[in-house]
Amino acid sequence: MTAATDSDDPIRIAFMCVQNAGRSQMSTAFAERERDRRDLGDRVEILTGGTDPADSVHEEVVDVMAEEGFDLSERQPREITLDELRSCDYVATMGCSTLDVGDVGESVDVRDWALPDPDGQDMDSVREIRDEIEGRVTALFDELDDAAT
């Protein structure tokens, strides 16, 4: 585990991909929900971004997340910087990063989730990706809970 779990500093988690318009946005929404469910608002910071952000979140992603009660229609993809990533305890890439994650440093726990891109996929495929992301985010927060006890 990282030093952040042993201090008063919040645990910082980043979800990133190239466009920050699909998988990383879904991951962020699920992570925000988990943080709230587990009453970790003051203990966990969540970042998201891309190396080459799109203009908007993919329409099919907005639609499948709405089915789960999330409104991503107003979310704006953004660029994430190497400095932001270096400040994190965990970085989850979606399998499409143009970033050499070795550049973030050894203290960051980098995980490549290697998920398919939902952009242009049929709704059932996007739902499968969404459900996989939800499971991975929940598992990550379970790890955080285990580390804190």
N, C-alpha and C. Protein backbone atom coordinates (compact mmCIF):
# COMPACT_ATOMS: atom_id res chain seq x y z
N MET A 1 0.84 -1.19 0.00
CA MET A 1 0.00 0.00 0.00
C MET A 1 0.87 1.24 0.00
N THR A 2 0.30 2.33 -0.33
CA THR A 2 1.07 3.56 -0.46
C THR A 2 1.06 4.35 0.83
N ALA A 3 1.91 5.33 0.89
CA ALA A 3 2.04 6.14 2.09
C ALA A 3 0.76 6.90 2.42
N ALA A 4 -0.04 7.19 1.41
CA ALA A 4 -1.26 7.97 1.66
C ALA A 4 -2.23 7.25 2.59
N THR A 5 -2.19 5.93 2.60
CA THR A 5 -3.09 5.19 3.48
C THR A 5 -2.66 5.30 4.93
N ASP A 6 -1.40 5.72 5.18
CA ASP A 6 -0.88 5.81 6.53
C ASP A 6 -0.83 7.24 7.05
N SER A 7 -1.36 8.17 6.32
CA SER A 7 -1.29 9.57 6.72
C SER A 7 -2.66 10.21 6.65
N ASP A 8 -2.68 11.50 6.94
CA ASP A 8 -3.94 12.24 6.85
C ASP A 8 -4.23 12.73 5.44
N ASP A 9 -3.28 12.55 4.53
CA ASP A 9 -3.50 12.96 3.15
C ASP A 9 -4.55 12.06 2.51
N PRO A 10 -5.41 12.64 1.68
CA PRO A 10 -6.39 11.80 0.99
C PRO A 10 -5.72 10.86 0.01
N ILE A 11 -6.37 9.76 -0.25
CA ILE A 11 -5.93 8.83 -1.29
C ILE A 11 -6.40 9.41 -2.61
N ARG A 12 -5.48 9.53 -3.57
CA ARG A 12 -5.83 10.10 -4.88
C ARG A 12 -5.86 8.98 -5.91
N ILE A 13 -6.96 8.92 -6.63
CA ILE A 13 -7.16 7.92 -7.68
C ILE A 13 -7.45 8.64 -8.97
N ALA A 14 -6.78 8.24 -10.05
CA ALA A 14 -7.05 8.81 -11.37
C ALA A 14 -7.52 7.71 -12.31
N PHE A 15 -8.51 8.05 -13.11
CA PHE A 15 -9.00 7.18 -14.18
C PHE A 15 -8.72 7.91 -15.47
N MET A 16 -7.93 7.29 -16.35
CA MET A 16 -7.52 8.01 -17.55
C MET A 16 -7.54 7.12 -18.78
N CYS A 17 -7.71 7.78 -19.91
CA CYS A 17 -7.59 7.14 -21.22
C CYS A 17 -7.20 8.24 -22.21
N VAL A 18 -7.29 7.96 -23.47
CA VAL A 18 -6.89 8.95 -24.46
C VAL A 18 -7.90 10.09 -24.52
N GLN A 19 -9.16 9.76 -24.79
CA GLN A 19 -10.16 10.80 -25.02
C GLN A 19 -10.90 11.28 -23.78
N ASN A 20 -10.85 10.52 -22.69
CA ASN A 20 -11.59 10.87 -21.48
C ASN A 20 -13.07 11.08 -21.80
N ALA A 21 -13.60 10.22 -22.66
CA ALA A 21 -14.98 10.39 -23.13
C ALA A 21 -15.82 9.12 -22.98
N GLY A 22 -15.24 8.07 -22.42
CA GLY A 22 -15.97 6.82 -22.30
C GLY A 22 -15.65 6.08 -21.02
N ARG A 23 -14.68 5.17 -21.12
CA ARG A 23 -14.35 4.30 -19.99
C ARG A 23 -13.92 5.07 -18.75
N SER A 24 -13.08 6.08 -18.91
CA SER A 24 -12.61 6.83 -17.74
C SER A 24 -13.73 7.65 -17.12
N GLN A 25 -14.66 8.11 -17.94
CA GLN A 25 -15.82 8.84 -17.40
C GLN A 25 -16.74 7.91 -16.63
N MET A 26 -16.97 6.70 -17.16
CA MET A 26 -17.79 5.73 -16.44
C MET A 26 -17.12 5.36 -15.12
N SER A 27 -15.80 5.11 -15.17
CA SER A 27 -15.05 4.76 -13.96
C SER A 27 -15.16 5.84 -12.90
N THR A 28 -15.04 7.08 -13.33
CA THR A 28 -15.12 8.21 -12.41
C THR A 28 -16.49 8.28 -11.75
N ALA A 29 -17.54 8.10 -12.53
CA ALA A 29 -18.90 8.16 -11.98
C ALA A 29 -19.11 7.05 -10.94
N PHE A 30 -18.68 5.84 -11.26
CA PHE A 30 -18.82 4.74 -10.30
C PHE A 30 -17.97 4.99 -9.06
N ALA A 31 -16.76 5.54 -9.24
CA ALA A 31 -15.88 5.82 -8.10
C ALA A 31 -16.48 6.89 -7.20
N GLU A 32 -17.08 7.91 -7.79
CA GLU A 32 -17.73 8.95 -6.98
C GLU A 32 -18.86 8.35 -6.16
N ARG A 33 -19.61 7.44 -6.77
CA ARG A 33 -20.71 6.80 -6.05
C ARG A 33 -20.17 5.93 -4.91
N GLU A 34 -19.12 5.16 -5.18
CA GLU A 34 -18.53 4.32 -4.14
C GLU A 34 -17.98 5.16 -3.00
N ARG A 35 -17.32 6.25 -3.34
CA ARG A 35 -16.77 7.14 -2.32
C ARG A 35 -17.90 7.65 -1.41
N ASP A 36 -19.03 8.03 -2.00
CA ASP A 36 -20.17 8.52 -1.22
C ASP A 36 -20.80 7.40 -0.40
N ARG A 37 -20.97 6.23 -1.00
CA ARG A 37 -21.58 5.10 -0.29
C ARG A 37 -20.78 4.70 0.93
N ARG A 38 -19.47 4.81 0.81
CA ARG A 38 -18.58 4.38 1.89
C ARG A 38 -18.17 5.53 2.81
N ASP A 39 -18.78 6.68 2.60
CA ASP A 39 -18.52 7.86 3.41
C ASP A 39 -17.03 8.20 3.45
N LEU A 40 -16.42 8.25 2.27
CA LEU A 40 -14.99 8.53 2.15
C LEU A 40 -14.72 9.87 1.48
N GLY A 41 -15.69 10.77 1.54
CA GLY A 41 -15.56 12.05 0.87
C GLY A 41 -14.32 12.84 1.24
N ASP A 42 -13.90 12.73 2.50
CA ASP A 42 -12.71 13.47 2.93
C ASP A 42 -11.44 12.64 2.82
N ARG A 43 -11.55 11.38 2.42
CA ARG A 43 -10.39 10.48 2.37
C ARG A 43 -9.96 10.10 0.96
N VAL A 44 -10.83 10.30 -0.02
CA VAL A 44 -10.52 9.88 -1.39
C VAL A 44 -10.80 11.02 -2.36
N GLU A 45 -9.77 11.37 -3.14
CA GLU A 45 -9.92 12.33 -4.23
C GLU A 45 -9.89 11.55 -5.54
N ILE A 46 -10.76 11.96 -6.46
CA ILE A 46 -10.87 11.27 -7.75
C ILE A 46 -10.57 12.25 -8.87
N LEU A 47 -9.67 11.84 -9.74
CA LEU A 47 -9.32 12.64 -10.91
C LEU A 47 -9.65 11.83 -12.16
N THR A 48 -9.91 12.54 -13.23
CA THR A 48 -10.07 11.87 -14.51
C THR A 48 -9.55 12.79 -15.60
N GLY A 49 -9.12 12.18 -16.68
CA GLY A 49 -8.63 12.97 -17.79
C GLY A 49 -8.10 12.07 -18.89
N GLY A 50 -7.69 12.72 -19.97
CA GLY A 50 -7.17 12.00 -21.11
C GLY A 50 -5.92 12.66 -21.65
N THR A 51 -5.22 11.93 -22.48
CA THR A 51 -4.01 12.48 -23.09
C THR A 51 -4.35 13.29 -24.35
N ASP A 52 -5.51 13.04 -24.94
CA ASP A 52 -6.00 13.79 -26.10
C ASP A 52 -7.52 13.85 -26.00
N PRO A 53 -8.05 14.71 -25.12
CA PRO A 53 -9.48 14.69 -24.80
C PRO A 53 -10.39 14.98 -25.99
N ALA A 54 -11.53 14.30 -25.98
CA ALA A 54 -12.57 14.52 -26.99
C ALA A 54 -13.33 15.80 -26.65
N ASP A 55 -14.24 16.18 -27.52
CA ASP A 55 -15.05 17.37 -27.29
C ASP A 55 -16.17 17.12 -26.28
N SER A 56 -16.63 15.86 -26.21
CA SER A 56 -17.72 15.53 -25.29
C SER A 56 -17.68 14.05 -24.96
N VAL A 57 -18.43 13.68 -23.93
CA VAL A 57 -18.56 12.27 -23.57
C VAL A 57 -19.36 11.58 -24.67
N HIS A 58 -18.93 10.36 -25.03
CA HIS A 58 -19.60 9.62 -26.10
C HIS A 58 -21.09 9.42 -25.78
N GLU A 59 -21.92 9.62 -26.78
CA GLU A 59 -23.37 9.56 -26.60
C GLU A 59 -23.83 8.21 -26.04
N GLU A 60 -23.27 7.12 -26.54
CA GLU A 60 -23.68 5.79 -26.06
C GLU A 60 -23.30 5.60 -24.59
N VAL A 61 -22.23 6.22 -24.15
CA VAL A 61 -21.81 6.16 -22.74
C VAL A 61 -22.80 6.96 -21.88
N VAL A 62 -23.17 8.14 -22.33
CA VAL A 62 -24.17 8.93 -21.62
C VAL A 62 -25.46 8.12 -21.47
N ASP A 63 -25.87 7.44 -22.54
CA ASP A 63 -27.12 6.68 -22.52
C ASP A 63 -27.08 5.49 -21.55
N VAL A 64 -26.01 4.68 -21.60
CA VAL A 64 -25.98 3.50 -20.72
C VAL A 64 -25.76 3.88 -19.26
N MET A 65 -25.09 4.99 -19.02
CA MET A 65 -24.92 5.42 -17.64
C MET A 65 -26.23 6.01 -17.10
N ALA A 66 -27.02 6.62 -17.96
CA ALA A 66 -28.33 7.12 -17.54
C ALA A 66 -29.22 5.97 -17.08
N GLU A 67 -29.06 4.80 -17.69
CA GLU A 67 -29.81 3.62 -17.26
C GLU A 67 -29.50 3.25 -15.81
N GLU A 68 -28.33 3.62 -15.34
CA GLU A 68 -27.91 3.32 -13.97
C GLU A 68 -28.07 4.52 -13.03
N GLY A 69 -28.70 5.58 -13.54
CA GLY A 69 -28.98 6.74 -12.70
C GLY A 69 -27.91 7.82 -12.69
N PHE A 70 -26.96 7.75 -13.62
CA PHE A 70 -25.89 8.76 -13.71
C PHE A 70 -26.18 9.70 -14.88
N ASP A 71 -25.98 10.98 -14.66
CA ASP A 71 -26.11 11.95 -15.74
C ASP A 71 -24.72 12.45 -16.11
N LEU A 72 -24.19 11.94 -17.22
CA LEU A 72 -22.87 12.35 -17.69
C LEU A 72 -22.96 13.35 -18.84
N SER A 73 -24.18 13.80 -19.13
CA SER A 73 -24.39 14.66 -20.30
C SER A 73 -23.66 16.00 -20.20
N GLU A 74 -23.43 16.47 -18.99
CA GLU A 74 -22.77 17.76 -18.81
C GLU A 74 -21.28 17.64 -18.51
N ARG A 75 -20.78 16.40 -18.43
CA ARG A 75 -19.35 16.21 -18.12
C ARG A 75 -18.52 16.59 -19.34
N GLN A 76 -17.39 17.18 -19.06
CA GLN A 76 -16.51 17.65 -20.13
C GLN A 76 -15.18 16.90 -20.06
N PRO A 77 -14.81 16.18 -21.12
CA PRO A 77 -13.49 15.56 -21.14
C PRO A 77 -12.41 16.62 -20.95
N ARG A 78 -11.36 16.23 -20.25
CA ARG A 78 -10.27 17.16 -19.94
C ARG A 78 -8.94 16.45 -20.08
N GLU A 79 -7.92 17.26 -20.23
CA GLU A 79 -6.57 16.71 -20.29
C GLU A 79 -6.06 16.46 -18.88
N ILE A 80 -5.33 15.39 -18.71
CA ILE A 80 -4.71 15.11 -17.42
C ILE A 80 -3.21 15.26 -17.59
N THR A 81 -2.57 15.86 -16.61
CA THR A 81 -1.13 16.12 -16.72
C THR A 81 -0.33 15.04 -16.02
N LEU A 82 0.90 14.94 -16.41
CA LEU A 82 1.81 14.00 -15.77
C LEU A 82 1.98 14.34 -14.29
N ASP A 83 2.02 15.63 -13.97
CA ASP A 83 2.12 16.03 -12.57
C ASP A 83 0.91 15.57 -11.76
N GLU A 84 -0.28 15.67 -12.35
CA GLU A 84 -1.47 15.18 -11.65
C GLU A 84 -1.36 13.68 -11.40
N LEU A 85 -0.92 12.94 -12.41
CA LEU A 85 -0.79 11.50 -12.26
C LEU A 85 0.25 11.14 -11.21
N ARG A 86 1.33 11.88 -11.19
CA ARG A 86 2.39 11.63 -10.19
C ARG A 86 1.91 11.88 -8.77
N SER A 87 0.89 12.71 -8.61
CA SER A 87 0.36 13.03 -7.28
C SER A 87 -0.61 11.96 -6.78
N CYS A 88 -0.89 10.97 -7.61
CA CYS A 88 -1.89 9.95 -7.27
C CYS A 88 -1.27 8.75 -6.57
N ASP A 89 -2.11 8.06 -5.84
CA ASP A 89 -1.72 6.78 -5.24
C ASP A 89 -2.02 5.64 -6.20
N TYR A 90 -3.13 5.79 -6.95
CA TYR A 90 -3.55 4.79 -7.92
C TYR A 90 -3.90 5.48 -9.23
N VAL A 91 -3.49 4.87 -10.35
CA VAL A 91 -3.90 5.33 -11.67
C VAL A 91 -4.41 4.11 -12.42
N ALA A 92 -5.65 4.19 -12.87
CA ALA A 92 -6.23 3.14 -13.69
C ALA A 92 -6.30 3.65 -15.13
N THR A 93 -5.57 2.98 -16.02
CA THR A 93 -5.67 3.29 -17.44
C THR A 93 -6.63 2.29 -18.06
N MET A 94 -7.21 2.66 -19.16
CA MET A 94 -8.27 1.86 -19.75
C MET A 94 -7.80 0.94 -20.88
N GLY A 95 -6.50 0.92 -21.11
CA GLY A 95 -5.96 0.05 -22.15
C GLY A 95 -5.66 0.79 -23.43
N CYS A 96 -5.70 2.10 -23.37
CA CYS A 96 -5.52 2.87 -24.59
C CYS A 96 -4.59 4.05 -24.41
N SER A 97 -3.87 4.08 -23.31
CA SER A 97 -3.11 5.28 -22.98
C SER A 97 -1.95 5.50 -23.93
N THR A 98 -1.77 6.75 -24.32
CA THR A 98 -0.60 7.13 -25.09
C THR A 98 0.53 7.53 -24.16
N LEU A 99 0.26 7.51 -22.87
CA LEU A 99 1.23 7.90 -21.86
C LEU A 99 2.11 6.71 -21.50
N ASP A 100 3.40 6.95 -21.38
CA ASP A 100 4.29 5.94 -20.83
C ASP A 100 4.11 6.00 -19.32
N VAL A 101 3.34 5.06 -18.78
CA VAL A 101 2.99 5.15 -17.36
C VAL A 101 4.20 4.98 -16.46
N GLY A 102 5.32 4.52 -16.99
CA GLY A 102 6.55 4.47 -16.21
C GLY A 102 7.01 5.85 -15.81
N ASP A 103 6.54 6.86 -16.51
CA ASP A 103 6.92 8.24 -16.21
C ASP A 103 6.27 8.79 -14.95
N VAL A 104 5.27 8.10 -14.41
CA VAL A 104 4.58 8.62 -13.24
C VAL A 104 5.33 8.35 -11.95
N GLY A 105 6.26 7.43 -11.96
CA GLY A 105 7.06 7.14 -10.77
C GLY A 105 6.65 5.85 -10.11
N GLU A 106 7.58 5.34 -9.33
CA GLU A 106 7.38 4.03 -8.71
C GLU A 106 6.39 4.04 -7.55
N SER A 107 6.11 5.20 -7.00
CA SER A 107 5.20 5.26 -5.85
C SER A 107 3.73 5.18 -6.25
N VAL A 108 3.44 5.26 -7.55
CA VAL A 108 2.06 5.22 -8.03
C VAL A 108 1.72 3.79 -8.46
N ASP A 109 0.62 3.29 -7.96
CA ASP A 109 0.14 1.95 -8.32
C ASP A 109 -0.66 2.10 -9.62
N VAL A 110 -0.04 1.75 -10.75
CA VAL A 110 -0.67 1.88 -12.06
C VAL A 110 -1.29 0.54 -12.45
N ARG A 111 -2.55 0.60 -12.87
CA ARG A 111 -3.26 -0.60 -13.30
C ARG A 111 -3.84 -0.36 -14.69
N ASP A 112 -3.51 -1.24 -15.60
CA ASP A 112 -4.09 -1.15 -16.94
C ASP A 112 -5.27 -2.10 -17.00
N TRP A 113 -6.46 -1.53 -17.09
CA TRP A 113 -7.66 -2.35 -17.09
C TRP A 113 -7.97 -2.96 -18.45
N ALA A 114 -7.29 -2.53 -19.50
CA ALA A 114 -7.39 -3.13 -20.83
C ALA A 114 -8.84 -3.41 -21.25
N LEU A 115 -9.65 -2.38 -21.20
CA LEU A 115 -11.06 -2.50 -21.56
C LEU A 115 -11.29 -2.04 -22.99
N PRO A 116 -12.22 -2.66 -23.71
CA PRO A 116 -12.51 -2.20 -25.07
C PRO A 116 -13.13 -0.81 -25.07
N ASP A 117 -12.89 -0.08 -26.14
CA ASP A 117 -13.42 1.27 -26.30
C ASP A 117 -14.91 1.20 -26.63
N PRO A 118 -15.77 1.88 -25.86
CA PRO A 118 -17.20 1.84 -26.14
C PRO A 118 -17.63 2.71 -27.32
N ASP A 119 -16.76 3.59 -27.79
CA ASP A 119 -17.11 4.52 -28.86
C ASP A 119 -17.54 3.77 -30.11
N GLY A 120 -18.78 4.01 -30.54
CA GLY A 120 -19.30 3.38 -31.75
C GLY A 120 -19.81 1.97 -31.58
N GLN A 121 -19.74 1.43 -30.37
CA GLN A 121 -20.21 0.06 -30.11
C GLN A 121 -21.74 0.04 -29.97
N ASP A 122 -22.32 -1.15 -30.15
CA ASP A 122 -23.76 -1.30 -29.92
C ASP A 122 -24.03 -1.21 -28.43
N MET A 123 -25.25 -0.93 -28.08
CA MET A 123 -25.60 -0.66 -26.68
C MET A 123 -25.31 -1.85 -25.76
N ASP A 124 -25.54 -3.07 -26.22
CA ASP A 124 -25.26 -4.22 -25.37
C ASP A 124 -23.77 -4.32 -25.05
N SER A 125 -22.92 -4.04 -26.02
CA SER A 125 -21.47 -4.06 -25.79
C SER A 125 -21.07 -2.97 -24.80
N VAL A 126 -21.66 -1.79 -24.94
CA VAL A 126 -21.35 -0.69 -24.03
C VAL A 126 -21.82 -1.04 -22.62
N ARG A 127 -22.95 -1.70 -22.50
CA ARG A 127 -23.44 -2.13 -21.18
C ARG A 127 -22.47 -3.12 -20.54
N GLU A 128 -21.93 -4.04 -21.34
CA GLU A 128 -20.96 -5.01 -20.82
C GLU A 128 -19.71 -4.30 -20.30
N ILE A 129 -19.24 -3.32 -21.05
CA ILE A 129 -18.07 -2.54 -20.62
C ILE A 129 -18.40 -1.80 -19.33
N ARG A 130 -19.57 -1.16 -19.29
CA ARG A 130 -20.01 -0.44 -18.09
C ARG A 130 -20.03 -1.36 -16.87
N ASP A 131 -20.60 -2.55 -17.03
CA ASP A 131 -20.72 -3.47 -15.90
C ASP A 131 -19.35 -3.97 -15.44
N GLU A 132 -18.43 -4.19 -16.38
CA GLU A 132 -17.07 -4.58 -16.03
C GLU A 132 -16.38 -3.46 -15.24
N ILE A 133 -16.57 -2.23 -15.68
CA ILE A 133 -15.99 -1.09 -14.98
C ILE A 133 -16.55 -0.98 -13.57
N GLU A 134 -17.84 -1.13 -13.43
CA GLU A 134 -18.44 -1.04 -12.10
C GLU A 134 -17.81 -2.07 -11.16
N GLY A 135 -17.63 -3.29 -11.63
CA GLY A 135 -17.01 -4.33 -10.81
C GLY A 135 -15.58 -4.00 -10.43
N ARG A 136 -14.81 -3.46 -11.38
CA ARG A 136 -13.42 -3.11 -11.09
C ARG A 136 -13.31 -1.96 -10.10
N VAL A 137 -14.19 -0.98 -10.24
CA VAL A 137 -14.18 0.16 -9.31
C VAL A 137 -14.55 -0.31 -7.90
N THR A 138 -15.57 -1.15 -7.80
CA THR A 138 -15.97 -1.68 -6.50
C THR A 138 -14.83 -2.46 -5.87
N ALA A 139 -14.14 -3.29 -6.67
CA ALA A 139 -13.01 -4.07 -6.16
C ALA A 139 -11.88 -3.15 -5.67
N LEU A 140 -11.63 -2.07 -6.39
CA LEU A 140 -10.59 -1.13 -5.97
C LEU A 140 -10.95 -0.51 -4.62
N PHE A 141 -12.20 -0.12 -4.44
CA PHE A 141 -12.62 0.46 -3.16
C PHE A 141 -12.62 -0.59 -2.05
N ASP A 142 -12.90 -1.84 -2.38
CA ASP A 142 -12.77 -2.92 -1.38
C ASP A 142 -11.32 -3.02 -0.92
N GLU A 143 -10.38 -2.91 -1.84
CA GLU A 143 -8.95 -2.90 -1.49
C GLU A 143 -8.62 -1.76 -0.55
N LEU A 144 -9.15 -0.59 -0.84
CA LEU A 144 -8.90 0.58 0.01
C LEU A 144 -9.45 0.35 1.41
N ASP A 145 -10.64 -0.25 1.48
CA ASP A 145 -11.23 -0.57 2.78
C ASP A 145 -10.36 -1.55 3.55
N ASP A 146 -9.88 -2.58 2.85
CA ASP A 146 -9.04 -3.59 3.49
C ASP A 146 -7.74 -2.99 4.00
N ALA A 147 -7.17 -2.06 3.23
CA ALA A 147 -5.91 -1.43 3.61
C ALA A 147 -6.08 -0.52 4.83
N ALA A 148 -7.28 0.03 4.96
CA ALA A 148 -7.53 0.97 6.06
C ALA A 148 -7.81 0.26 7.38
N THR A 149 -8.09 -1.04 7.30
CA THR A 149 -8.43 -1.77 8.55
C THR A 149 -7.26 -2.54 9.07
